[in-house]
Amino acid sequence: MTISKNARMVLYLTGTLLVMCALVAVSVPMYRAFCNATGFNGTARKALAAPRVATNQIMRVHFDANTNGIPWHFKADRPYLDTRVGKTAMMTFSVTNTGKVPITGRASYNILPDTMGPYFMKLQCFCFQDQTLQPGESRSFPVVYFLDPKLMSNSDTRNVPDVTLSYTFFQVKETQK
């Protein structure tokens, strides 16, 4: 059986369309995985263990806390923390649901300047999972992190005096009205 020229073209275009749709479907998860693995675009990385060696270099880590339309009061317990490069540090964030219904939120985060993303490592963070707060409920969320000593060997990061860790809570869609 011979396929006509027009039928071959339709099959080719249909196949191309299916491949393009598949690429669109996997592009967001692949981009997210790439950013998490490399620290690209200011994405902090999850660490399995703290470094064994710390330097004498001190960097000031500023903390920024925001909500995107969630009736929560969310702030860092301190505006900044002077952190020794290579040494584990902890900051606590306070959050209160000021709304009248339970709300589940998810925190997204980034690091500024972007070049510091690969070197800002988190050991523990509330941002690794969704958080649900009942009306009027208050909680403290710790973040345990370190600045990777490898940043000292990078000419783009070794002289950076301070870094900002910024969080924004978004309401999880399943809990939105």
N, C-alpha and C. Protein backbone atom coordinates (compact mmCIF):
# COMPACT_ATOMS: atom_id res chain seq x y z
N MET A 1 0.85 -1.18 0.00
CA MET A 1 0.00 0.00 0.00
C MET A 1 0.89 1.23 0.00
N THR A 2 0.62 2.12 -0.86
CA THR A 2 1.39 3.33 -1.02
C THR A 2 0.66 4.49 -0.35
N ILE A 3 1.43 5.24 0.45
CA ILE A 3 0.84 6.42 1.10
C ILE A 3 1.09 7.61 0.19
N SER A 4 0.02 8.39 -0.01
CA SER A 4 0.14 9.55 -0.90
C SER A 4 1.02 10.62 -0.25
N LYS A 5 1.46 11.51 -1.09
CA LYS A 5 2.34 12.59 -0.64
C LYS A 5 1.64 13.45 0.41
N ASN A 6 0.36 13.73 0.22
CA ASN A 6 -0.41 14.54 1.18
C ASN A 6 -0.58 13.82 2.51
N ALA A 7 -0.83 12.51 2.47
CA ALA A 7 -1.01 11.74 3.70
C ALA A 7 0.30 11.69 4.48
N ARG A 8 1.42 11.56 3.78
CA ARG A 8 2.73 11.56 4.43
C ARG A 8 2.99 12.90 5.13
N MET A 9 2.62 13.98 4.45
CA MET A 9 2.80 15.31 5.03
C MET A 9 1.93 15.47 6.28
N VAL A 10 0.70 14.99 6.26
CA VAL A 10 -0.19 15.06 7.42
C VAL A 10 0.40 14.27 8.59
N LEU A 11 0.92 13.07 8.32
CA LEU A 11 1.56 12.27 9.37
C LEU A 11 2.78 12.97 9.94
N TYR A 12 3.58 13.54 9.07
CA TYR A 12 4.77 14.26 9.52
C TYR A 12 4.38 15.45 10.41
N LEU A 13 3.41 16.24 9.99
CA LEU A 13 2.99 17.41 10.76
C LEU A 13 2.33 17.00 12.09
N THR A 14 1.55 15.93 12.06
CA THR A 14 0.92 15.42 13.28
C THR A 14 1.99 14.95 14.27
N GLY A 15 2.97 14.23 13.78
CA GLY A 15 4.08 13.77 14.64
C GLY A 15 4.85 14.95 15.23
N THR A 16 5.12 15.95 14.40
CA THR A 16 5.82 17.14 14.87
C THR A 16 5.01 17.84 15.96
N LEU A 17 3.71 17.95 15.76
CA LEU A 17 2.83 18.58 16.75
C LEU A 17 2.85 17.81 18.07
N LEU A 18 2.80 16.49 18.01
CA LEU A 18 2.84 15.67 19.22
C LEU A 18 4.16 15.83 19.97
N VAL A 19 5.26 15.87 19.25
CA VAL A 19 6.57 16.06 19.88
C VAL A 19 6.64 17.43 20.55
N MET A 20 6.13 18.45 19.89
CA MET A 20 6.15 19.81 20.45
C MET A 20 5.28 19.88 21.71
N CYS A 21 4.12 19.25 21.69
CA CYS A 21 3.26 19.22 22.88
C CYS A 21 3.93 18.50 24.04
N ALA A 22 4.62 17.42 23.76
CA ALA A 22 5.34 16.69 24.80
C ALA A 22 6.45 17.55 25.39
N LEU A 23 7.17 18.29 24.55
CA LEU A 23 8.22 19.17 25.05
C LEU A 23 7.66 20.28 25.94
N VAL A 24 6.52 20.82 25.57
CA VAL A 24 5.87 21.84 26.40
C VAL A 24 5.48 21.24 27.75
N ALA A 25 4.96 20.04 27.75
CA ALA A 25 4.50 19.40 28.98
C ALA A 25 5.64 19.14 29.96
N VAL A 26 6.83 18.83 29.48
CA VAL A 26 7.94 18.50 30.38
C VAL A 26 8.89 19.67 30.61
N SER A 27 8.70 20.79 29.95
CA SER A 27 9.66 21.89 30.06
C SER A 27 9.69 22.51 31.45
N VAL A 28 8.54 22.73 32.09
CA VAL A 28 8.54 23.35 33.41
C VAL A 28 9.18 22.45 34.46
N PRO A 29 8.80 21.16 34.56
CA PRO A 29 9.48 20.31 35.55
C PRO A 29 10.98 20.16 35.27
N MET A 30 11.36 20.12 34.00
CA MET A 30 12.78 19.98 33.68
C MET A 30 13.53 21.26 34.03
N TYR A 31 12.94 22.42 33.78
CA TYR A 31 13.58 23.69 34.14
C TYR A 31 13.73 23.79 35.66
N ARG A 32 12.68 23.41 36.40
CA ARG A 32 12.73 23.44 37.86
C ARG A 32 13.83 22.51 38.38
N ALA A 33 13.92 21.31 37.82
CA ALA A 33 14.95 20.35 38.23
C ALA A 33 16.35 20.90 37.90
N PHE A 34 16.50 21.53 36.75
CA PHE A 34 17.77 22.13 36.37
C PHE A 34 18.17 23.22 37.35
N CYS A 35 17.24 24.11 37.70
CA CYS A 35 17.54 25.20 38.64
C CYS A 35 17.90 24.65 40.02
N ASN A 36 17.17 23.64 40.47
CA ASN A 36 17.47 23.05 41.78
C ASN A 36 18.84 22.37 41.79
N ALA A 37 19.21 21.75 40.69
CA ALA A 37 20.48 21.04 40.64
C ALA A 37 21.68 21.97 40.51
N THR A 38 21.49 23.10 39.84
CA THR A 38 22.62 23.98 39.55
C THR A 38 22.63 25.28 40.33
N GLY A 39 21.48 25.65 40.96
CA GLY A 39 21.41 26.95 41.61
C GLY A 39 21.19 28.08 40.62
N PHE A 40 20.85 27.73 39.38
CA PHE A 40 20.62 28.73 38.34
C PHE A 40 19.50 29.68 38.72
N ASN A 41 19.62 30.94 38.33
CA ASN A 41 18.59 31.95 38.52
C ASN A 41 18.32 32.21 40.00
N GLY A 42 19.33 32.09 40.83
CA GLY A 42 19.18 32.40 42.25
C GLY A 42 18.45 31.36 43.06
N THR A 43 18.35 30.15 42.56
CA THR A 43 17.66 29.09 43.28
C THR A 43 18.60 28.48 44.31
N ALA A 44 18.17 28.52 45.58
CA ALA A 44 18.96 27.88 46.64
C ALA A 44 18.90 26.37 46.46
N ARG A 45 19.95 25.70 46.89
CA ARG A 45 20.01 24.26 46.70
C ARG A 45 19.84 23.54 48.03
N LYS A 46 19.28 22.34 47.98
CA LYS A 46 19.09 21.51 49.16
C LYS A 46 20.37 20.70 49.36
N ALA A 47 20.89 20.76 50.57
CA ALA A 47 22.13 20.05 50.89
C ALA A 47 21.82 18.84 51.76
N LEU A 48 22.64 17.82 51.66
CA LEU A 48 22.48 16.62 52.47
C LEU A 48 23.28 16.70 53.77
N ALA A 49 24.37 17.47 53.75
CA ALA A 49 25.21 17.60 54.95
C ALA A 49 25.94 18.94 54.92
N ALA A 50 26.28 19.42 56.10
CA ALA A 50 27.03 20.66 56.22
C ALA A 50 28.48 20.42 55.83
N PRO A 51 29.18 21.47 55.40
CA PRO A 51 30.59 21.30 55.07
C PRO A 51 31.42 21.04 56.34
N ARG A 52 32.56 20.42 56.14
CA ARG A 52 33.43 20.10 57.29
C ARG A 52 34.36 21.25 57.64
N VAL A 53 34.53 22.18 56.70
CA VAL A 53 35.47 23.27 56.90
C VAL A 53 34.74 24.60 56.73
N ALA A 54 34.99 25.51 57.67
CA ALA A 54 34.45 26.86 57.57
C ALA A 54 35.61 27.83 57.34
N THR A 55 35.31 28.95 56.73
CA THR A 55 36.33 29.98 56.50
C THR A 55 36.17 31.07 57.55
N ASN A 56 37.01 32.07 57.50
CA ASN A 56 36.89 33.23 58.39
C ASN A 56 36.05 34.33 57.76
N GLN A 57 35.66 34.13 56.51
CA GLN A 57 34.87 35.13 55.79
C GLN A 57 33.46 35.21 56.37
N ILE A 58 33.00 36.43 56.61
CA ILE A 58 31.64 36.68 57.10
C ILE A 58 30.84 37.36 56.00
N MET A 59 29.65 36.85 55.75
CA MET A 59 28.74 37.49 54.80
C MET A 59 27.44 37.77 55.52
N ARG A 60 26.85 38.90 55.23
CA ARG A 60 25.57 39.26 55.82
C ARG A 60 24.46 38.68 54.95
N VAL A 61 23.59 37.89 55.56
CA VAL A 61 22.45 37.30 54.86
C VAL A 61 21.21 38.07 55.30
N HIS A 62 20.57 38.73 54.35
CA HIS A 62 19.32 39.46 54.60
C HIS A 62 18.16 38.51 54.32
N PHE A 63 17.05 38.71 55.03
CA PHE A 63 15.88 37.85 54.88
C PHE A 63 14.68 38.70 54.49
N ASP A 64 13.99 38.24 53.46
CA ASP A 64 12.83 38.94 52.93
C ASP A 64 11.65 37.97 52.95
N ALA A 65 10.51 38.40 53.49
CA ALA A 65 9.34 37.52 53.60
C ALA A 65 8.12 38.23 53.02
N ASN A 66 7.44 37.56 52.10
CA ASN A 66 6.29 38.14 51.40
C ASN A 66 5.17 37.11 51.30
N THR A 67 3.97 37.60 51.12
CA THR A 67 2.84 36.74 50.78
C THR A 67 2.21 37.28 49.51
N ASN A 68 1.67 36.39 48.72
CA ASN A 68 1.04 36.79 47.47
C ASN A 68 -0.45 36.54 47.58
N GLY A 69 -1.15 37.47 48.22
CA GLY A 69 -2.60 37.38 48.33
C GLY A 69 -3.10 36.48 49.44
N ILE A 70 -2.22 35.91 50.25
CA ILE A 70 -2.65 35.07 51.37
C ILE A 70 -2.80 35.96 52.60
N PRO A 71 -3.90 35.82 53.35
CA PRO A 71 -4.05 36.62 54.57
C PRO A 71 -3.19 36.08 55.72
N TRP A 72 -1.90 36.10 55.51
CA TRP A 72 -0.94 35.67 56.52
C TRP A 72 -0.01 36.83 56.84
N HIS A 73 0.37 36.90 58.10
CA HIS A 73 1.43 37.82 58.51
C HIS A 73 2.69 36.97 58.56
N PHE A 74 3.68 37.31 57.76
CA PHE A 74 4.87 36.47 57.57
C PHE A 74 6.11 37.35 57.62
N LYS A 75 7.03 37.04 58.54
CA LYS A 75 8.25 37.84 58.63
C LYS A 75 9.38 37.03 59.25
N ALA A 76 10.59 37.44 58.93
CA ALA A 76 11.78 36.84 59.56
C ALA A 76 11.89 37.41 60.96
N ASP A 77 12.37 36.60 61.89
CA ASP A 77 12.53 37.07 63.26
C ASP A 77 13.60 38.14 63.39
N ARG A 78 14.54 38.16 62.46
CA ARG A 78 15.56 39.21 62.38
C ARG A 78 15.72 39.60 60.92
N PRO A 79 16.06 40.86 60.64
CA PRO A 79 16.19 41.26 59.23
C PRO A 79 17.42 40.69 58.54
N TYR A 80 18.46 40.37 59.32
CA TYR A 80 19.67 39.82 58.72
C TYR A 80 20.44 39.02 59.77
N LEU A 81 21.40 38.23 59.27
CA LEU A 81 22.25 37.44 60.14
C LEU A 81 23.64 37.42 59.51
N ASP A 82 24.66 37.80 60.29
CA ASP A 82 26.03 37.71 59.81
C ASP A 82 26.44 36.24 59.90
N THR A 83 26.77 35.66 58.76
CA THR A 83 27.00 34.23 58.65
C THR A 83 28.43 33.95 58.20
N ARG A 84 29.08 33.07 58.92
CA ARG A 84 30.43 32.65 58.55
C ARG A 84 30.33 31.64 57.41
N VAL A 85 31.08 31.88 56.33
CA VAL A 85 31.05 31.01 55.16
C VAL A 85 31.52 29.60 55.57
N GLY A 86 30.68 28.61 55.30
CA GLY A 86 30.99 27.23 55.63
C GLY A 86 30.42 26.76 56.95
N LYS A 87 29.86 27.68 57.73
CA LYS A 87 29.31 27.31 59.04
C LYS A 87 27.77 27.30 58.95
N THR A 88 27.17 26.31 59.56
CA THR A 88 25.71 26.19 59.56
C THR A 88 25.10 27.31 60.39
N ALA A 89 24.02 27.88 59.89
CA ALA A 89 23.30 28.95 60.59
C ALA A 89 21.80 28.66 60.51
N MET A 90 21.04 29.31 61.37
CA MET A 90 19.58 29.12 61.38
C MET A 90 18.87 30.46 61.55
N MET A 91 17.80 30.62 60.78
CA MET A 91 16.92 31.78 60.94
C MET A 91 15.51 31.24 61.08
N THR A 92 14.73 31.90 61.93
CA THR A 92 13.35 31.49 62.15
C THR A 92 12.42 32.55 61.56
N PHE A 93 11.39 32.08 60.88
CA PHE A 93 10.37 32.95 60.33
C PHE A 93 9.07 32.72 61.10
N SER A 94 8.36 33.80 61.41
CA SER A 94 7.09 33.70 62.11
C SER A 94 5.97 33.93 61.12
N VAL A 95 4.92 33.12 61.24
CA VAL A 95 3.78 33.25 60.34
C VAL A 95 2.49 33.07 61.13
N THR A 96 1.50 33.90 60.80
CA THR A 96 0.18 33.83 61.44
C THR A 96 -0.88 33.91 60.36
N ASN A 97 -1.85 33.00 60.42
CA ASN A 97 -3.00 33.04 59.51
C ASN A 97 -3.99 34.04 60.09
N THR A 98 -4.12 35.19 59.46
CA THR A 98 -5.06 36.23 59.91
C THR A 98 -6.42 36.09 59.25
N GLY A 99 -6.59 35.06 58.42
CA GLY A 99 -7.86 34.83 57.74
C GLY A 99 -8.84 34.07 58.62
N LYS A 100 -10.00 33.77 58.05
CA LYS A 100 -11.07 33.10 58.79
C LYS A 100 -11.26 31.64 58.40
N VAL A 101 -10.39 31.14 57.51
CA VAL A 101 -10.47 29.75 57.06
C VAL A 101 -9.07 29.15 57.07
N PRO A 102 -8.97 27.82 57.15
CA PRO A 102 -7.65 27.20 57.02
C PRO A 102 -7.08 27.46 55.62
N ILE A 103 -5.79 27.70 55.57
CA ILE A 103 -5.15 28.00 54.29
C ILE A 103 -3.86 27.19 54.19
N THR A 104 -3.67 26.59 53.02
CA THR A 104 -2.41 25.90 52.75
C THR A 104 -1.60 26.76 51.80
N GLY A 105 -0.35 27.00 52.18
CA GLY A 105 0.54 27.82 51.36
C GLY A 105 1.80 27.07 50.99
N ARG A 106 2.40 27.52 49.93
CA ARG A 106 3.68 26.97 49.46
C ARG A 106 4.63 28.15 49.28
N ALA A 107 5.82 28.03 49.85
CA ALA A 107 6.79 29.12 49.75
C ALA A 107 7.75 28.87 48.59
N SER A 108 7.85 29.86 47.74
CA SER A 108 8.90 29.83 46.72
C SER A 108 10.01 30.74 47.22
N TYR A 109 11.21 30.55 46.74
CA TYR A 109 12.33 31.30 47.26
C TYR A 109 13.33 31.59 46.16
N ASN A 110 14.14 32.59 46.40
CA ASN A 110 15.27 32.85 45.51
C ASN A 110 16.36 33.57 46.28
N ILE A 111 17.51 33.62 45.67
CA ILE A 111 18.70 34.21 46.25
C ILE A 111 19.16 35.36 45.36
N LEU A 112 19.51 36.46 45.99
CA LEU A 112 20.07 37.60 45.26
C LEU A 112 21.40 37.97 45.91
N PRO A 113 22.41 38.25 45.16
CA PRO A 113 22.48 38.21 43.70
C PRO A 113 22.40 36.77 43.17
N ASP A 114 21.97 36.66 41.93
CA ASP A 114 21.78 35.35 41.30
C ASP A 114 23.03 34.48 41.34
N THR A 115 24.18 35.11 41.26
CA THR A 115 25.44 34.35 41.23
C THR A 115 25.66 33.57 42.52
N MET A 116 24.97 33.92 43.59
CA MET A 116 25.13 33.23 44.87
C MET A 116 24.25 31.98 44.98
N GLY A 117 23.31 31.79 44.06
CA GLY A 117 22.40 30.66 44.10
C GLY A 117 23.07 29.30 44.27
N PRO A 118 24.13 29.00 43.51
CA PRO A 118 24.76 27.68 43.66
C PRO A 118 25.47 27.47 44.99
N TYR A 119 25.69 28.55 45.75
CA TYR A 119 26.46 28.45 46.98
C TYR A 119 25.61 28.59 48.25
N PHE A 120 24.35 28.92 48.10
CA PHE A 120 23.46 29.03 49.26
C PHE A 120 22.75 27.69 49.41
N MET A 121 23.12 26.95 50.43
CA MET A 121 22.66 25.58 50.60
C MET A 121 21.75 25.47 51.82
N LYS A 122 20.61 24.81 51.65
CA LYS A 122 19.66 24.62 52.75
C LYS A 122 19.69 23.17 53.22
N LEU A 123 19.78 23.01 54.53
CA LEU A 123 19.70 21.68 55.13
C LEU A 123 18.27 21.38 55.56
N GLN A 124 17.56 22.41 56.02
CA GLN A 124 16.18 22.25 56.48
C GLN A 124 15.43 23.52 56.12
N CYS A 125 14.22 23.35 55.59
CA CYS A 125 13.44 24.52 55.19
C CYS A 125 11.96 24.19 55.12
N PHE A 126 11.15 25.12 55.60
CA PHE A 126 9.69 24.99 55.51
C PHE A 126 9.24 25.02 54.06
N CYS A 127 10.09 25.52 53.19
CA CYS A 127 9.73 25.65 51.77
C CYS A 127 9.80 24.32 51.02
N PHE A 128 10.28 23.27 51.67
CA PHE A 128 10.35 21.98 51.01
C PHE A 128 9.00 21.27 50.97
N GLN A 129 8.01 21.79 51.70
CA GLN A 129 6.67 21.17 51.69
C GLN A 129 5.60 22.23 51.92
N ASP A 130 4.35 21.91 51.58
CA ASP A 130 3.23 22.83 51.81
C ASP A 130 3.00 23.00 53.31
N GLN A 131 2.50 24.17 53.69
CA GLN A 131 2.22 24.47 55.09
C GLN A 131 0.75 24.86 55.23
N THR A 132 0.05 24.25 56.17
CA THR A 132 -1.36 24.56 56.41
C THR A 132 -1.49 25.21 57.78
N LEU A 133 -2.15 26.35 57.82
CA LEU A 133 -2.41 27.05 59.08
C LEU A 133 -3.91 27.24 59.25
N GLN A 134 -4.37 26.97 60.45
CA GLN A 134 -5.78 27.18 60.81
C GLN A 134 -6.00 28.67 61.07
N PRO A 135 -7.25 29.14 61.05
CA PRO A 135 -7.52 30.56 61.33
C PRO A 135 -6.94 30.96 62.69
N GLY A 136 -6.17 32.05 62.70
CA GLY A 136 -5.57 32.55 63.93
C GLY A 136 -4.33 31.80 64.39
N GLU A 137 -3.97 30.71 63.73
CA GLU A 137 -2.82 29.92 64.15
C GLU A 137 -1.51 30.63 63.80
N SER A 138 -0.56 30.56 64.73
CA SER A 138 0.78 31.10 64.52
C SER A 138 1.79 29.97 64.64
N ARG A 139 2.85 30.06 63.84
CA ARG A 139 3.92 29.07 63.90
C ARG A 139 5.25 29.73 63.60
N SER A 140 6.30 29.04 64.02
CA SER A 140 7.66 29.45 63.67
C SER A 140 8.23 28.41 62.72
N PHE A 141 8.82 28.89 61.65
CA PHE A 141 9.41 28.02 60.65
C PHE A 141 10.92 28.27 60.60
N PRO A 142 11.72 27.26 60.96
CA PRO A 142 13.18 27.44 60.88
C PRO A 142 13.72 27.15 59.49
N VAL A 143 14.80 27.82 59.18
CA VAL A 143 15.58 27.54 57.97
C VAL A 143 17.02 27.33 58.43
N VAL A 144 17.56 26.17 58.13
CA VAL A 144 18.94 25.85 58.47
C VAL A 144 19.72 25.85 57.15
N TYR A 145 20.76 26.64 57.09
CA TYR A 145 21.48 26.84 55.83
C TYR A 145 22.97 27.02 56.09
N PHE A 146 23.72 27.02 55.02
CA PHE A 146 25.13 27.42 55.05
C PHE A 146 25.51 27.97 53.70
N LEU A 147 26.55 28.77 53.70
CA LEU A 147 27.13 29.29 52.47
C LEU A 147 28.32 28.40 52.13
N ASP A 148 28.26 27.78 50.97
CA ASP A 148 29.29 26.83 50.57
C ASP A 148 30.64 27.54 50.44
N PRO A 149 31.67 27.01 51.10
CA PRO A 149 33.00 27.62 51.00
C PRO A 149 33.55 27.71 49.58
N LYS A 150 32.99 26.93 48.65
CA LYS A 150 33.44 26.99 47.26
C LYS A 150 33.22 28.38 46.65
N LEU A 151 32.33 29.18 47.26
CA LEU A 151 32.07 30.51 46.72
C LEU A 151 33.32 31.37 46.78
N MET A 152 34.25 31.04 47.67
CA MET A 152 35.49 31.82 47.81
C MET A 152 36.42 31.63 46.61
N SER A 153 36.25 30.57 45.85
CA SER A 153 37.11 30.34 44.69
C SER A 153 36.50 30.87 43.39
N ASN A 154 35.32 31.46 43.47
CA ASN A 154 34.66 32.01 42.29
C ASN A 154 34.84 33.52 42.29
N SER A 155 35.40 34.07 41.23
CA SER A 155 35.66 35.51 41.16
C SER A 155 34.38 36.34 41.18
N ASP A 156 33.25 35.75 40.80
CA ASP A 156 31.98 36.48 40.81
C ASP A 156 31.34 36.53 42.19
N THR A 157 31.78 35.70 43.12
CA THR A 157 31.11 35.62 44.41
C THR A 157 32.02 35.88 45.62
N ARG A 158 33.31 35.75 45.48
CA ARG A 158 34.18 35.83 46.66
C ARG A 158 34.17 37.19 47.33
N ASN A 159 33.87 38.25 46.60
CA ASN A 159 33.86 39.60 47.19
C ASN A 159 32.45 40.14 47.41
N VAL A 160 31.45 39.28 47.29
CA VAL A 160 30.07 39.72 47.54
C VAL A 160 29.92 39.94 49.05
N PRO A 161 29.53 41.14 49.48
CA PRO A 161 29.45 41.41 50.92
C PRO A 161 28.19 40.88 51.59
N ASP A 162 27.11 40.80 50.82
CA ASP A 162 25.86 40.31 51.42
C ASP A 162 25.00 39.63 50.38
N VAL A 163 24.05 38.85 50.89
CA VAL A 163 23.17 38.05 50.04
C VAL A 163 21.78 38.14 50.64
N THR A 164 20.75 38.04 49.82
CA THR A 164 19.37 38.09 50.29
C THR A 164 18.66 36.79 49.97
N LEU A 165 18.06 36.20 50.99
CA LEU A 165 17.18 35.04 50.83
C LEU A 165 15.76 35.56 50.90
N SER A 166 15.02 35.40 49.83
CA SER A 166 13.67 35.95 49.74
C SER A 166 12.65 34.82 49.59
N TYR A 167 11.60 34.88 50.39
CA TYR A 167 10.50 33.91 50.33
C TYR A 167 9.21 34.63 49.96
N THR A 168 8.38 33.96 49.17
CA THR A 168 7.02 34.42 48.92
C THR A 168 6.10 33.22 49.07
N PHE A 169 5.10 33.36 49.95
CA PHE A 169 4.10 32.31 50.12
C PHE A 169 2.98 32.52 49.13
N PHE A 170 2.60 31.46 48.43
CA PHE A 170 1.46 31.45 47.51
C PHE A 170 0.46 30.44 48.05
N GLN A 171 -0.82 30.74 47.87
CA GLN A 171 -1.85 29.80 48.30
C GLN A 171 -1.88 28.61 47.35
N VAL A 172 -1.94 27.41 47.92
CA VAL A 172 -2.03 26.19 47.11
C VAL A 172 -3.43 26.18 46.49
N LYS A 173 -3.52 25.89 45.20
CA LYS A 173 -4.77 26.00 44.46
C LYS A 173 -5.92 25.20 45.05
N GLU A 174 -5.63 24.02 45.63
CA GLU A 174 -6.70 23.17 46.17
C GLU A 174 -7.47 23.85 47.30
N THR A 175 -6.84 24.84 47.98
CA THR A 175 -7.51 25.50 49.10
C THR A 175 -8.14 26.82 48.70
N GLN A 176 -7.93 27.25 47.47
CA GLN A 176 -8.52 28.52 47.03
C GLN A 176 -10.01 28.33 46.78
N LYS A 177 -10.77 29.38 47.01
CA LYS A 177 -12.21 29.31 46.76
C LYS A 177 -12.49 29.41 45.28
